[in-house]
Amino acid sequence: MFTPLPKAQDHWFRFRMDWKRRRLRARAILKRRELTCLRRGAWGRETILLFCTIRNEAERLDWFVKHYRSLGVGQFIFIDNGSTDGTRERLLALPDATVYTTGASYKASRFGMDWINWLMLRHGNGHWCVVADADELLIYPHWQTRPLPALTAWLDNEGQRTLPAMMLELYPRGPLDQTDYTPGSDPITALGWFDAGNYTIRHKPLLDCLLIQGGPRARCFFHSAPNRAPTLTKLPLIRWSWHDVWVNSTHAILPRGLNRVFATDEGERISGALLHTKFLPTVVEKSRIEKARAQHFGNAPVFDSYYDAVAAAPDLWCPASTRYSGWEQLEELGLVSRGGWA
């Protein structure tokens, strides 16, 4: 999987990516004009911050905030991108939230990453930061008993600035639109299944990062074009520096060396999982809406068949599906690792 690059090629890739980092940083600074601050919270130097671009997620918001508060997030920094379901009003009512708003194009901001890069540049320098979508719940070994401040202190001691996590896509058994779910409750009670073993992993030398693909979306919607399946590798926790910039969602970051979160020998390094709760019943109607908006993919027409398939409310369950039971189970399956975090 991992083959070291020749020194000359590695230096060339590093040079190219450093120029890309500068361009993306300058782009983010220009995009700040698209954001309006509606409410500014207050936090200390050691506060763990969470950054999230959000649109019409009222049904998930309460549990999302509850989960990350329990982990130790001290301030939420949201970008509301034109919500119409009451999400913005809910955000403004949170005592520990800073709220920005924009009506600008999500796609034209590199799917929100220009906005995130600017706000992390403005607010995140020196902080441990979580970056997550509203349908992503971060877990890691011992997460129920060791909150984020304990983990980040250990990562600091190890000299590791990022925590990698594989996005684990959860789904129900039965048609997507017939799942029983109460808004604001734990989505995992409705989405109890996942794919345990149909994953591919490869190294991308230009960014020196890993690319993991697979899971139910690859199996059901991209089986004829597996290379187009969603990327499942993410870096949701980072000690941010003003030098840093996200390249493509939180799949990869620059400077390039921050992506080297994997062992290159026979050992293991710590990793977590992002429980992806996308497949609640509302995903069916949202797929119809997002197909019309064409804001989520660089070449939207290519993905029309994907949106159509989700809008048909398929059953993603199959005989090989595995019922989710916790991080220990994921560790046994090799999907998360304690590394030295005993």
C-alpha atoms as a PDB file:
ATOM      1  CA  MET A   1       0.000   0.000   0.000  1.00  0.00           C
ATOM      2  CA  PHE A   2       2.749   2.489   0.935  1.00  0.00           C
ATOM      3  CA  THR A   3       5.904   2.903  -1.117  1.00  0.00           C
ATOM      4  CA  PRO A   4       8.234   5.806  -0.232  1.00  0.00           C
ATOM      5  CA  LEU A   5       8.733   8.309  -3.032  1.00  0.00           C
ATOM      6  CA  PRO A   6      12.162   9.113  -4.452  1.00  0.00           C
ATOM      7  CA  LYS A   7      13.514  12.231  -2.724  1.00  0.00           C
ATOM      8  CA  ALA A   8      13.399  14.384  -5.846  1.00  0.00           C
ATOM      9  CA  GLN A   9       9.778  13.508  -6.538  1.00  0.00           C
ATOM     10  CA  ASP A  10       8.815  14.039  -2.905  1.00  0.00           C
ATOM     11  CA  HIS A  11      10.409  17.504  -2.936  1.00  0.00           C
ATOM     12  CA  TRP A  12       8.609  18.356  -6.171  1.00  0.00           C
ATOM     13  CA  PHE A  13       5.229  17.264  -4.737  1.00  0.00           C
ATOM     14  CA  ARG A  14       5.922  19.283  -1.600  1.00  0.00           C
ATOM     15  CA  PHE A  15       6.768  22.378  -3.668  1.00  0.00           C
ATOM     16  CA  ARG A  16       3.580  22.038  -5.757  1.00  0.00           C
ATOM     17  CA  MET A  17       1.386  21.545  -2.720  1.00  0.00           C
ATOM     18  CA  ASP A  18       2.911  24.509  -0.913  1.00  0.00           C
ATOM     19  CA  TRP A  19       1.856  26.771  -3.785  1.00  0.00           C
ATOM     20  CA  LYS A  20      -1.592  25.175  -3.732  1.00  0.00           C
ATOM     21  CA  ARG A  21      -1.799  25.846   0.010  1.00  0.00           C
ATOM     22  CA  ARG A  22      -1.036  29.538  -0.562  1.00  0.00           C
ATOM     23  CA  ARG A  23      -3.644  29.813  -3.326  1.00  0.00           C
ATOM     24  CA  LEU A  24      -6.358  28.145  -1.257  1.00  0.00           C
ATOM     25  CA  ARG A  25      -5.548  30.321   1.731  1.00  0.00           C
ATOM     26  CA  ALA A  26      -5.794  33.487  -0.383  1.00  0.00           C
ATOM     27  CA  ARG A  27      -9.074  32.243  -1.861  1.00  0.00           C
ATOM     28  CA  ALA A  28     -10.508  31.700   1.622  1.00  0.00           C
ATOM     29  CA  ILE A  29      -9.559  35.230   2.667  1.00  0.00           C
ATOM     30  CA  LEU A  30     -11.425  36.614  -0.348  1.00  0.00           C
ATOM     31  CA  LYS A  31     -14.474  34.453   0.387  1.00  0.00           C
ATOM     32  CA  ARG A  32     -14.838  35.986   3.864  1.00  0.00           C
ATOM     33  CA  ARG A  33     -16.992  38.664   2.237  1.00  0.00           C
ATOM     34  CA  GLU A  34     -19.740  36.099   1.696  1.00  0.00           C
ATOM     35  CA  LEU A  35     -20.172  35.513   5.450  1.00  0.00           C
ATOM     36  CA  THR A  36     -22.189  37.608   7.899  1.00  0.00           C
ATOM     37  CA  CYS A  37     -21.833  37.042  11.644  1.00  0.00           C
ATOM     38  CA  LEU A  38     -25.213  36.872  13.389  1.00  0.00           C
ATOM     39  CA  ARG A  39     -23.962  35.938  16.842  1.00  0.00           C
ATOM     40  CA  ARG A  40     -20.457  35.830  18.342  1.00  0.00           C
ATOM     41  CA  GLY A  41     -19.750  33.633  21.332  1.00  0.00           C
ATOM     42  CA  ALA A  42     -16.814  33.775  23.727  1.00  0.00           C
ATOM     43  CA  TRP A  43     -14.206  31.143  24.521  1.00  0.00           C
ATOM     44  CA  GLY A  44     -10.818  30.678  26.128  1.00  0.00           C
ATOM     45  CA  ARG A  45      -7.416  29.717  24.738  1.00  0.00           C
ATOM     46  CA  GLU A  46      -7.846  26.033  25.604  1.00  0.00           C
ATOM     47  CA  THR A  47     -11.420  25.706  24.335  1.00  0.00           C
ATOM     48  CA  ILE A  48     -12.026  22.964  21.787  1.00  0.00           C
ATOM     49  CA  LEU A  49     -13.890  24.459  18.827  1.00  0.00           C
ATOM     50  CA  LEU A  50     -16.197  22.782  16.329  1.00  0.00           C
ATOM     51  CA  PHE A  51     -16.729  24.121  12.798  1.00  0.00           C
ATOM     52  CA  CYS A  52     -19.731  23.086  10.734  1.00  0.00           C
ATOM     53  CA  THR A  53     -21.443  24.255   7.552  1.00  0.00           C
ATOM     54  CA  ILE A  54     -25.125  23.438   7.881  1.00  0.00           C
ATOM     55  CA  ARG A  55     -28.354  23.638   5.907  1.00  0.00           C
ATOM     56  CA  ASN A  56     -31.805  22.361   6.943  1.00  0.00           C
ATOM     57  CA  GLU A  57     -30.657  19.987   9.695  1.00  0.00           C
ATOM     58  CA  ALA A  58     -33.212  20.792  12.403  1.00  0.00           C
ATOM     59  CA  GLU A  59     -33.965  17.122  12.989  1.00  0.00           C
ATOM     60  CA  ARG A  60     -30.303  16.273  13.704  1.00  0.00           C
ATOM     61  CA  LEU A  61     -29.129  19.427  15.427  1.00  0.00           C
ATOM     62  CA  ASP A  62     -30.121  18.672  19.035  1.00  0.00           C
ATOM     63  CA  TRP A  63     -28.362  15.296  19.104  1.00  0.00           C
ATOM     64  CA  PHE A  64     -25.360  16.613  17.190  1.00  0.00           C
ATOM     65  CA  VAL A  65     -24.792  19.353  19.772  1.00  0.00           C
ATOM     66  CA  LYS A  66     -25.463  16.976  22.678  1.00  0.00           C
ATOM     67  CA  HIS A  67     -22.938  14.449  21.356  1.00  0.00           C
ATOM     68  CA  TYR A  68     -20.138  16.946  20.854  1.00  0.00           C
ATOM     69  CA  ARG A  69     -20.795  18.784  24.109  1.00  0.00           C
ATOM     70  CA  SER A  70     -20.436  15.464  25.919  1.00  0.00           C
ATOM     71  CA  LEU A  71     -17.106  14.926  24.151  1.00  0.00           C
ATOM     72  CA  GLY A  72     -15.826  18.291  25.377  1.00  0.00           C
ATOM     73  CA  VAL A  73     -16.463  20.786  22.582  1.00  0.00           C
ATOM     74  CA  GLY A  74     -16.697  24.223  24.211  1.00  0.00           C
ATOM     75  CA  GLN A  75     -17.803  26.396  21.287  1.00  0.00           C
ATOM     76  CA  PHE A  76     -19.678  25.607  18.072  1.00  0.00           C
ATOM     77  CA  ILE A  77     -18.988  27.802  15.042  1.00  0.00           C
ATOM     78  CA  PHE A  78     -21.733  27.277  12.474  1.00  0.00           C
ATOM     79  CA  ILE A  79     -22.186  28.575   8.942  1.00  0.00           C
ATOM     80  CA  ASP A  80     -25.865  28.468   8.032  1.00  0.00           C
ATOM     81  CA  ASN A  81     -26.207  28.244   4.273  1.00  0.00           C
ATOM     82  CA  GLY A  82     -29.796  29.313   3.660  1.00  0.00           C
ATOM     83  CA  SER A  83     -31.751  27.012   5.971  1.00  0.00           C
ATOM     84  CA  THR A  84     -35.546  27.158   5.676  1.00  0.00           C
ATOM     85  CA  ASP A  85     -36.594  24.589   8.294  1.00  0.00           C
ATOM     86  CA  GLY A  86     -35.837  26.546  11.492  1.00  0.00           C
ATOM     87  CA  THR A  87     -32.190  25.457  11.749  1.00  0.00           C
ATOM     88  CA  ARG A  88     -30.915  29.043  11.901  1.00  0.00           C
ATOM     89  CA  GLU A  89     -33.291  29.956  14.731  1.00  0.00           C
ATOM     90  CA  ARG A  90     -32.184  26.887  16.672  1.00  0.00           C
ATOM     91  CA  LEU A  91     -28.536  27.803  16.171  1.00  0.00           C
ATOM     92  CA  LEU A  92     -29.090  31.327  17.455  1.00  0.00           C
ATOM     93  CA  ALA A  93     -30.718  29.927  20.598  1.00  0.00           C
ATOM     94  CA  LEU A  94     -27.642  27.849  21.526  1.00  0.00           C
ATOM     95  CA  PRO A  95     -25.682  29.462  24.374  1.00  0.00           C
ATOM     96  CA  ASP A  96     -22.351  28.093  23.151  1.00  0.00           C
ATOM     97  CA  ALA A  97     -22.612  28.850  19.422  1.00  0.00           C
ATOM     98  CA  THR A  98     -21.144  31.439  17.100  1.00  0.00           C
ATOM     99  CA  VAL A  99     -23.365  31.716  14.030  1.00  0.00           C
ATOM    100  CA  TYR A 100     -22.487  32.967  10.571  1.00  0.00           C
ATOM    101  CA  THR A 101     -24.850  33.027   7.630  1.00  0.00           C
ATOM    102  CA  THR A 102     -24.471  33.119   3.871  1.00  0.00           C
ATOM    103  CA  GLY A 103     -26.726  32.820   0.874  1.00  0.00           C
ATOM    104  CA  ALA A 104     -23.783  32.284  -1.483  1.00  0.00           C
ATOM    105  CA  SER A 105     -23.214  29.149  -3.521  1.00  0.00           C
ATOM    106  CA  TYR A 106     -22.040  26.121  -1.551  1.00  0.00           C
ATOM    107  CA  LYS A 107     -20.540  24.644  -4.711  1.00  0.00           C
ATOM    108  CA  ALA A 108     -18.724  27.855  -5.666  1.00  0.00           C
ATOM    109  CA  SER A 109     -17.118  27.968  -2.215  1.00  0.00           C
ATOM    110  CA  ARG A 110     -15.556  24.552  -2.886  1.00  0.00           C
ATOM    111  CA  PHE A 111     -18.466  22.878  -1.106  1.00  0.00           C
ATOM    112  CA  GLY A 112     -18.152  25.143   1.923  1.00  0.00           C
ATOM    113  CA  MET A 113     -14.437  24.627   2.490  1.00  0.00           C
ATOM    114  CA  ASP A 114     -13.472  28.194   1.578  1.00  0.00           C
ATOM    115  CA  TRP A 115     -15.761  29.415   4.367  1.00  0.00           C
ATOM    116  CA  ILE A 116     -14.422  26.843   6.826  1.00  0.00           C
ATOM    117  CA  ASN A 117     -10.819  27.700   5.949  1.00  0.00           C
ATOM    118  CA  TRP A 118     -11.464  31.392   6.565  1.00  0.00           C
ATOM    119  CA  LEU A 119     -13.213  30.905   9.905  1.00  0.00           C
ATOM    120  CA  MET A 120     -10.541  28.501  11.110  1.00  0.00           C
ATOM    121  CA  LEU A 121      -7.906  31.003  10.029  1.00  0.00           C
ATOM    122  CA  ARG A 122      -9.758  33.699  11.984  1.00  0.00           C
ATOM    123  CA  HIS A 123     -10.751  31.746  15.091  1.00  0.00           C
ATOM    124  CA  GLY A 124      -8.920  28.424  15.205  1.00  0.00           C
ATOM    125  CA  ASN A 125      -5.205  29.213  15.386  1.00  0.00           C
ATOM    126  CA  GLY A 126      -3.652  27.218  18.237  1.00  0.00           C
ATOM    127  CA  HIS A 127      -6.923  25.467  19.148  1.00  0.00           C
ATOM    128  CA  TRP A 128      -7.820  21.843  18.865  1.00  0.00           C
ATOM    129  CA  CYS A 129     -10.723  21.888  16.417  1.00  0.00           C
ATOM    130  CA  VAL A 130     -13.360  19.435  15.266  1.00  0.00           C
ATOM    131  CA  VAL A 131     -14.663  19.814  11.717  1.00  0.00           C
ATOM    132  CA  ALA A 132     -17.813  17.795  11.075  1.00  0.00           C
ATOM    133  CA  ASP A 133     -21.016  17.837   9.087  1.00  0.00           C
ATOM    134  CA  ALA A 134     -24.320  17.677  10.948  1.00  0.00           C
ATOM    135  CA  ASP A 135     -24.710  14.015   9.990  1.00  0.00           C
ATOM    136  CA  GLU A 136     -21.264  12.993  11.332  1.00  0.00           C
ATOM    137  CA  LEU A 137     -20.701  11.837  14.926  1.00  0.00           C
ATOM    138  CA  LEU A 138     -17.059  11.377  15.930  1.00  0.00           C
ATOM    139  CA  ILE A 139     -16.122   8.423  18.109  1.00  0.00           C
ATOM    140  CA  TYR A 140     -12.717   7.010  19.045  1.00  0.00           C
ATOM    141  CA  PRO A 141     -11.342   4.374  21.451  1.00  0.00           C
ATOM    142  CA  HIS A 142     -12.652   4.970  25.001  1.00  0.00           C
ATOM    143  CA  TRP A 143     -14.702   7.967  23.868  1.00  0.00           C
ATOM    144  CA  GLN A 144     -17.447   7.361  26.461  1.00  0.00           C
ATOM    145  CA  THR A 145     -14.983   7.656  29.380  1.00  0.00           C
ATOM    146  CA  ARG A 146     -12.153   9.801  27.969  1.00  0.00           C
ATOM    147  CA  PRO A 147     -13.362  13.126  26.549  1.00  0.00           C
ATOM    148  CA  LEU A 148     -11.579  15.125  23.896  1.00  0.00           C
ATOM    149  CA  PRO A 149      -9.350  17.104  26.315  1.00  0.00           C
ATOM    150  CA  ALA A 150      -7.806  13.826  27.468  1.00  0.00           C
ATOM    151  CA  LEU A 151      -7.286  12.686  23.891  1.00  0.00           C
ATOM    152  CA  THR A 152      -5.870  15.989  22.691  1.00  0.00           C
ATOM    153  CA  ALA A 153      -3.449  16.112  25.633  1.00  0.00           C
ATOM    154  CA  TRP A 154      -2.212  12.660  24.646  1.00  0.00           C
ATOM    155  CA  LEU A 155      -1.922  13.664  20.980  1.00  0.00           C
ATOM    156  CA  ASP A 156       0.055  16.753  22.003  1.00  0.00           C
ATOM    157  CA  ASN A 157       2.421  14.547  23.976  1.00  0.00           C
ATOM    158  CA  GLU A 158       2.809  12.278  20.948  1.00  0.00           C
ATOM    159  CA  GLY A 159       3.489  15.238  18.674  1.00  0.00           C
ATOM    160  CA  GLN A 160       0.476  14.328  16.514  1.00  0.00           C
ATOM    161  CA  ARG A 161      -1.655  17.247  15.291  1.00  0.00           C
ATOM    162  CA  THR A 162      -4.448  15.311  13.570  1.00  0.00           C
ATOM    163  CA  LEU A 163      -6.736  12.386  14.347  1.00  0.00           C
ATOM    164  CA  PRO A 164      -7.839  10.347  11.324  1.00  0.00           C
ATOM    165  CA  ALA A 165     -11.258   8.717  11.173  1.00  0.00           C
ATOM    166  CA  MET A 166     -12.996   6.536   8.628  1.00  0.00           C
ATOM    167  CA  MET A 167     -16.528   7.596   7.775  1.00  0.00           C
ATOM    168  CA  LEU A 168     -18.710   4.610   8.729  1.00  0.00           C
ATOM    169  CA  GLU A 169     -22.010   4.810   6.898  1.00  0.00           C
ATOM    170  CA  LEU A 170     -24.944   3.581   8.986  1.00  0.00           C
ATOM    171  CA  TYR A 171     -28.278   2.551   7.509  1.00  0.00           C
ATOM    172  CA  PRO A 172     -31.591   0.950   8.537  1.00  0.00           C
ATOM    173  CA  ARG A 173     -33.055  -2.399   7.577  1.00  0.00           C
ATOM    174  CA  GLY A 174     -35.878  -1.811   5.130  1.00  0.00           C
ATOM    175  CA  PRO A 175     -36.797   1.036   2.770  1.00  0.00           C
ATOM    176  CA  LEU A 176     -35.180   4.329   3.728  1.00  0.00           C
ATOM    177  CA  ASP A 177     -38.459   6.229   3.956  1.00  0.00           C
ATOM    178  CA  GLN A 178     -40.049   3.741   6.347  1.00  0.00           C
ATOM    179  CA  THR A 179     -37.545   4.046   9.183  1.00  0.00           C
ATOM    180  CA  ASP A 180     -38.970   5.076  12.544  1.00  0.00           C
ATOM    181  CA  TYR A 181     -37.073   8.111  13.829  1.00  0.00           C
ATOM    182  CA  THR A 182     -37.990  10.888  16.268  1.00  0.00           C
ATOM    183  CA  PRO A 183     -36.227  14.198  15.442  1.00  0.00           C
ATOM    184  CA  GLY A 184     -33.718  15.147  18.109  1.00  0.00           C
ATOM    185  CA  SER A 185     -33.162  11.577  19.305  1.00  0.00           C
ATOM    186  CA  ASP A 186     -30.093   9.395  18.816  1.00  0.00           C
ATOM    187  CA  PRO A 187     -30.008   8.591  15.076  1.00  0.00           C
ATOM    188  CA  ILE A 188     -28.072   5.391  15.725  1.00  0.00           C
ATOM    189  CA  THR A 189     -31.229   3.849  17.209  1.00  0.00           C
ATOM    190  CA  ALA A 190     -32.768   4.097  13.724  1.00  0.00           C
ATOM    191  CA  LEU A 191     -29.620   3.350  11.735  1.00  0.00           C
ATOM    192  CA  GLY A 192     -28.244   0.206  13.288  1.00  0.00           C
ATOM    193  CA  TRP A 193     -26.375  -1.460  10.413  1.00  0.00           C
ATOM    194  CA  PHE A 194     -23.125  -1.006   8.475  1.00  0.00           C
ATOM    195  CA  ASP A 195     -20.857  -2.749   5.986  1.00  0.00           C
ATOM    196  CA  ALA A 196     -18.000  -4.445   7.811  1.00  0.00           C
ATOM    197  CA  GLY A 197     -15.565  -5.456   5.108  1.00  0.00           C
ATOM    198  CA  ASN A 198     -16.052  -4.189   1.544  1.00  0.00           C
ATOM    199  CA  TYR A 199     -13.414  -1.451   1.677  1.00  0.00           C
ATOM    200  CA  THR A 200     -10.455  -0.572  -0.506  1.00  0.00           C
ATOM    201  CA  ILE A 201      -7.539   1.557   0.596  1.00  0.00           C
ATOM    202  CA  ARG A 202      -4.739   3.145  -1.385  1.00  0.00           C
ATOM    203  CA  HIS A 203      -2.072   5.767  -0.951  1.00  0.00           C
ATOM    204  CA  LYS A 204      -2.223   9.069  -2.893  1.00  0.00           C
ATOM    205  CA  PRO A 205       1.407  10.239  -3.124  1.00  0.00           C
ATOM    206  CA  LEU A 206       0.747  13.828  -4.257  1.00  0.00           C
ATOM    207  CA  LEU A 207      -1.009  14.675  -0.972  1.00  0.00           C
ATOM    208  CA  ASP A 208       0.608  11.801   0.955  1.00  0.00           C
ATOM    209  CA  CYS A 209      -2.813  10.711   2.183  1.00  0.00           C
ATOM    210  CA  LEU A 210      -4.930   7.572   2.183  1.00  0.00           C
ATOM    211  CA  LEU A 211      -8.053   7.041   0.092  1.00  0.00           C
ATOM    212  CA  ILE A 212     -10.632   4.630   1.526  1.00  0.00           C
ATOM    213  CA  GLN A 213     -13.727   3.738  -0.473  1.00  0.00           C
ATOM    214  CA  GLY A 214     -16.502   1.212   0.011  1.00  0.00           C
ATOM    215  CA  GLY A 215     -19.539   0.846   2.239  1.00  0.00           C
ATOM    216  CA  PRO A 216     -23.211   0.814   1.264  1.00  0.00           C
ATOM    217  CA  ARG A 217     -23.075   3.702  -1.195  1.00  0.00           C
ATOM    218  CA  ALA A 218     -20.260   2.067  -3.149  1.00  0.00           C
ATOM    219  CA  ARG A 219     -22.076  -1.274  -3.030  1.00  0.00           C
ATOM    220  CA  CYS A 220     -25.532  -0.022  -4.021  1.00  0.00           C
ATOM    221  CA  PHE A 221     -25.005   3.122  -6.090  1.00  0.00           C
ATOM    222  CA  PHE A 222     -21.490   3.005  -7.561  1.00  0.00           C
ATOM    223  CA  HIS A 223     -20.946  -0.707  -8.212  1.00  0.00           C
ATOM    224  CA  SER A 224     -20.351  -0.046 -11.924  1.00  0.00           C
ATOM    225  CA  ALA A 225     -17.964   2.857 -11.217  1.00  0.00           C
ATOM    226  CA  PRO A 226     -16.335   2.147  -7.818  1.00  0.00           C
ATOM    227  CA  ASN A 227     -13.702   4.854  -8.348  1.00  0.00           C
ATOM    228  CA  ARG A 228     -16.530   7.448  -8.147  1.00  0.00           C
ATOM    229  CA  ALA A 229     -17.752   6.185  -4.777  1.00  0.00           C
ATOM    230  CA  PRO A 230     -17.477   8.691  -1.905  1.00  0.00           C
ATOM    231  CA  THR A 231     -14.153   9.050  -0.122  1.00  0.00           C
ATOM    232  CA  LEU A 232     -14.420   7.761   3.446  1.00  0.00           C
ATOM    233  CA  THR A 233     -11.083   9.008   4.806  1.00  0.00           C
ATOM    234  CA  LYS A 234     -11.311  12.118   7.003  1.00  0.00           C
ATOM    235  CA  LEU A 235      -9.297  14.167   9.502  1.00  0.00           C
ATOM    236  CA  PRO A 236     -12.041  15.489  11.795  1.00  0.00           C
ATOM    237  CA  LEU A 237      -9.819  16.567  14.719  1.00  0.00           C
ATOM    238  CA  ILE A 238      -6.824  18.873  14.335  1.00  0.00           C
ATOM    239  CA  ARG A 239      -4.711  21.325  16.294  1.00  0.00           C
ATOM    240  CA  TRP A 240      -5.084  24.180  13.845  1.00  0.00           C
ATOM    241  CA  SER A 241      -2.410  26.587  12.661  1.00  0.00           C
ATOM    242  CA  TRP A 242      -2.884  29.613  10.439  1.00  0.00           C
ATOM    243  CA  HIS A 243      -0.504  27.876   7.983  1.00  0.00           C
ATOM    244  CA  ASP A 244      -3.069  25.111   7.398  1.00  0.00           C
ATOM    245  CA  VAL A 245      -5.721  24.820   4.713  1.00  0.00           C
ATOM    246  CA  TRP A 246      -8.252  22.127   3.797  1.00  0.00           C
ATOM    247  CA  VAL A 247      -7.971  20.812   0.254  1.00  0.00           C
ATOM    248  CA  ASN A 248     -11.075  18.697  -0.275  1.00  0.00           C
ATOM    249  CA  SER A 249     -13.581  18.587   2.582  1.00  0.00           C
ATOM    250  CA  THR A 250     -11.599  17.138   5.508  1.00  0.00           C
ATOM    251  CA  HIS A 251     -10.232  14.310   3.352  1.00  0.00           C
ATOM    252  CA  ALA A 252      -6.855  16.018   2.967  1.00  0.00           C
ATOM    253  CA  ILE A 253      -5.031  19.046   4.313  1.00  0.00           C
ATOM    254  CA  LEU A 254      -1.969  21.131   3.586  1.00  0.00           C
ATOM    255  CA  PRO A 255       0.864  21.299   4.570  1.00  0.00           C
ATOM    256  CA  ARG A 256       1.119  17.863   3.079  1.00  0.00           C
ATOM    257  CA  GLY A 257       2.890  16.271   6.051  1.00  0.00           C
ATOM    258  CA  LEU A 258      -0.265  16.535   8.185  1.00  0.00           C
ATOM    259  CA  ASN A 259      -1.855  13.786   6.101  1.00  0.00           C
ATOM    260  CA  ARG A 260       0.768  11.251   7.248  1.00  0.00           C
ATOM    261  CA  VAL A 261      -1.415   9.841  10.028  1.00  0.00           C
ATOM    262  CA  PHE A 262      -0.861   6.201   9.134  1.00  0.00           C
ATOM    263  CA  ALA A 263       1.881   3.783  10.130  1.00  0.00           C
ATOM    264  CA  THR A 264       4.430   2.958   7.449  1.00  0.00           C
ATOM    265  CA  ASP A 265       5.808  -0.072   9.279  1.00  0.00           C
ATOM    266  CA  GLU A 266       3.983  -3.004  10.873  1.00  0.00           C
ATOM    267  CA  GLY A 267       2.587  -0.973  13.759  1.00  0.00           C
ATOM    268  CA  GLU A 268      -0.684   0.926  14.125  1.00  0.00           C
ATOM    269  CA  ARG A 269      -1.529   4.534  14.890  1.00  0.00           C
ATOM    270  CA  ILE A 270      -4.648   5.778  16.610  1.00  0.00           C
ATOM    271  CA  SER A 271      -7.768   6.332  14.515  1.00  0.00           C
ATOM    272  CA  GLY A 272     -11.459   6.911  15.148  1.00  0.00           C
ATOM    273  CA  ALA A 273     -14.687   6.721  13.169  1.00  0.00           C
ATOM    274  CA  LEU A 274     -17.233   9.232  11.965  1.00  0.00           C
ATOM    275  CA  LEU A 275     -20.641   7.614  12.312  1.00  0.00           C
ATOM    276  CA  HIS A 276     -22.444   8.855   9.211  1.00  0.00           C
ATOM    277  CA  THR A 277     -26.186   9.262   9.839  1.00  0.00           C
ATOM    278  CA  LYS A 278     -27.136  10.415   6.356  1.00  0.00           C
ATOM    279  CA  PHE A 279     -29.775   7.729   5.766  1.00  0.00           C
ATOM    280  CA  LEU A 280     -32.584   8.949   8.003  1.00  0.00           C
ATOM    281  CA  PRO A 281     -36.027   8.956   6.321  1.00  0.00           C
ATOM    282  CA  THR A 282     -35.717  12.584   5.170  1.00  0.00           C
ATOM    283  CA  VAL A 283     -32.798  11.633   2.896  1.00  0.00           C
ATOM    284  CA  VAL A 284     -35.357  10.530   0.305  1.00  0.00           C
ATOM    285  CA  GLU A 285     -36.929  13.976  -0.114  1.00  0.00           C
ATOM    286  CA  LYS A 286     -33.583  15.738   0.384  1.00  0.00           C
ATOM    287  CA  SER A 287     -32.127  13.762  -2.526  1.00  0.00           C
ATOM    288  CA  ARG A 288     -34.809  15.148  -4.821  1.00  0.00           C
ATOM    289  CA  ILE A 289     -34.089  18.661  -3.573  1.00  0.00           C
ATOM    290  CA  GLU A 290     -30.310  18.362  -3.810  1.00  0.00           C
ATOM    291  CA  LYS A 291     -30.497  16.958  -7.325  1.00  0.00           C
ATOM    292  CA  ALA A 292     -32.355  20.119  -8.362  1.00  0.00           C
ATOM    293  CA  ARG A 293     -29.944  22.400  -6.464  1.00  0.00           C
ATOM    294  CA  ALA A 294     -26.857  20.691  -7.986  1.00  0.00           C
ATOM    295  CA  GLN A 295     -24.620  22.018  -5.190  1.00  0.00           C
ATOM    296  CA  HIS A 296     -22.902  18.899  -3.897  1.00  0.00           C
ATOM    297  CA  PHE A 297     -20.756  17.500  -6.707  1.00  0.00           C
ATOM    298  CA  GLY A 298     -18.290  19.055  -9.119  1.00  0.00           C
ATOM    299  CA  ASN A 299     -19.968  17.349 -12.084  1.00  0.00           C
ATOM    300  CA  ALA A 300     -23.550  17.165 -10.876  1.00  0.00           C
ATOM    301  CA  PRO A 301     -25.126  15.476 -13.950  1.00  0.00           C
ATOM    302  CA  VAL A 302     -22.845  12.475 -13.432  1.00  0.00           C
ATOM    303  CA  PHE A 303     -24.480  11.956 -10.033  1.00  0.00           C
ATOM    304  CA  ASP A 304     -28.108  12.341 -11.126  1.00  0.00           C
ATOM    305  CA  SER A 305     -28.554   8.572 -11.134  1.00  0.00           C
ATOM    306  CA  TYR A 306     -27.270   8.453  -7.544  1.00  0.00           C
ATOM    307  CA  TYR A 307     -29.836  11.001  -6.383  1.00  0.00           C
ATOM    308  CA  ASP A 308     -32.567   9.176  -8.294  1.00  0.00           C
ATOM    309  CA  ALA A 309     -31.602   5.891  -6.649  1.00  0.00           C
ATOM    310  CA  VAL A 310     -31.711   7.360  -3.131  1.00  0.00           C
ATOM    311  CA  ALA A 311     -35.015   9.135  -3.902  1.00  0.00           C
ATOM    312  CA  ALA A 312     -36.485   5.715  -4.718  1.00  0.00           C
ATOM    313  CA  ALA A 313     -36.062   4.789  -1.003  1.00  0.00           C
ATOM    314  CA  PRO A 314     -34.047   1.577  -1.482  1.00  0.00           C
ATOM    315  CA  ASP A 315     -33.270  -1.000   1.183  1.00  0.00           C
ATOM    316  CA  LEU A 316     -29.497  -0.839   1.744  1.00  0.00           C
ATOM    317  CA  TRP A 317     -29.501  -3.871   4.023  1.00  0.00           C
ATOM    318  CA  CYS A 318     -28.082  -7.140   2.705  1.00  0.00           C
ATOM    319  CA  PRO A 319     -27.256 -10.530   4.283  1.00  0.00           C
ATOM    320  CA  ALA A 320     -23.666  -9.376   4.860  1.00  0.00           C
ATOM    321  CA  SER A 321     -24.756  -6.288   6.836  1.00  0.00           C
ATOM    322  CA  THR A 322     -23.467  -6.037  10.411  1.00  0.00           C
ATOM    323  CA  ARG A 323     -25.338  -4.583  13.378  1.00  0.00           C
ATOM    324  CA  TYR A 324     -23.382  -1.771  15.020  1.00  0.00           C
ATOM    325  CA  SER A 325     -22.498  -2.258  18.692  1.00  0.00           C
ATOM    326  CA  GLY A 326     -19.672   0.144  19.538  1.00  0.00           C
ATOM    327  CA  TRP A 327     -16.061   1.151  19.031  1.00  0.00           C
ATOM    328  CA  GLU A 328     -14.735  -2.116  20.449  1.00  0.00           C
ATOM    329  CA  GLN A 329     -16.477  -3.964  17.631  1.00  0.00           C
ATOM    330  CA  LEU A 330     -14.959  -1.586  15.084  1.00  0.00           C
ATOM    331  CA  GLU A 331     -11.523  -2.168  16.570  1.00  0.00           C
ATOM    332  CA  GLU A 332     -11.938  -5.933  16.210  1.00  0.00           C
ATOM    333  CA  LEU A 333     -12.864  -5.392  12.563  1.00  0.00           C
ATOM    334  CA  GLY A 334      -9.804  -3.189  11.987  1.00  0.00           C
ATOM    335  CA  LEU A 335     -11.848  -0.059  11.283  1.00  0.00           C
ATOM    336  CA  VAL A 336     -10.538   1.924  14.268  1.00  0.00           C
ATOM    337  CA  SER A 337      -7.336   1.567  16.255  1.00  0.00           C
ATOM    338  CA  ARG A 338      -6.101   2.470  19.710  1.00  0.00           C
ATOM    339  CA  GLY A 339      -2.485   2.731  18.583  1.00  0.00           C
ATOM    340  CA  GLY A 340      -0.635   3.724  21.756  1.00  0.00           C
ATOM    341  CA  TRP A 341      -3.825   5.128  23.353  1.00  0.00           C
ATOM    342  CA  ALA A 342      -4.142   2.199  25.735  1.00  0.00           C
END
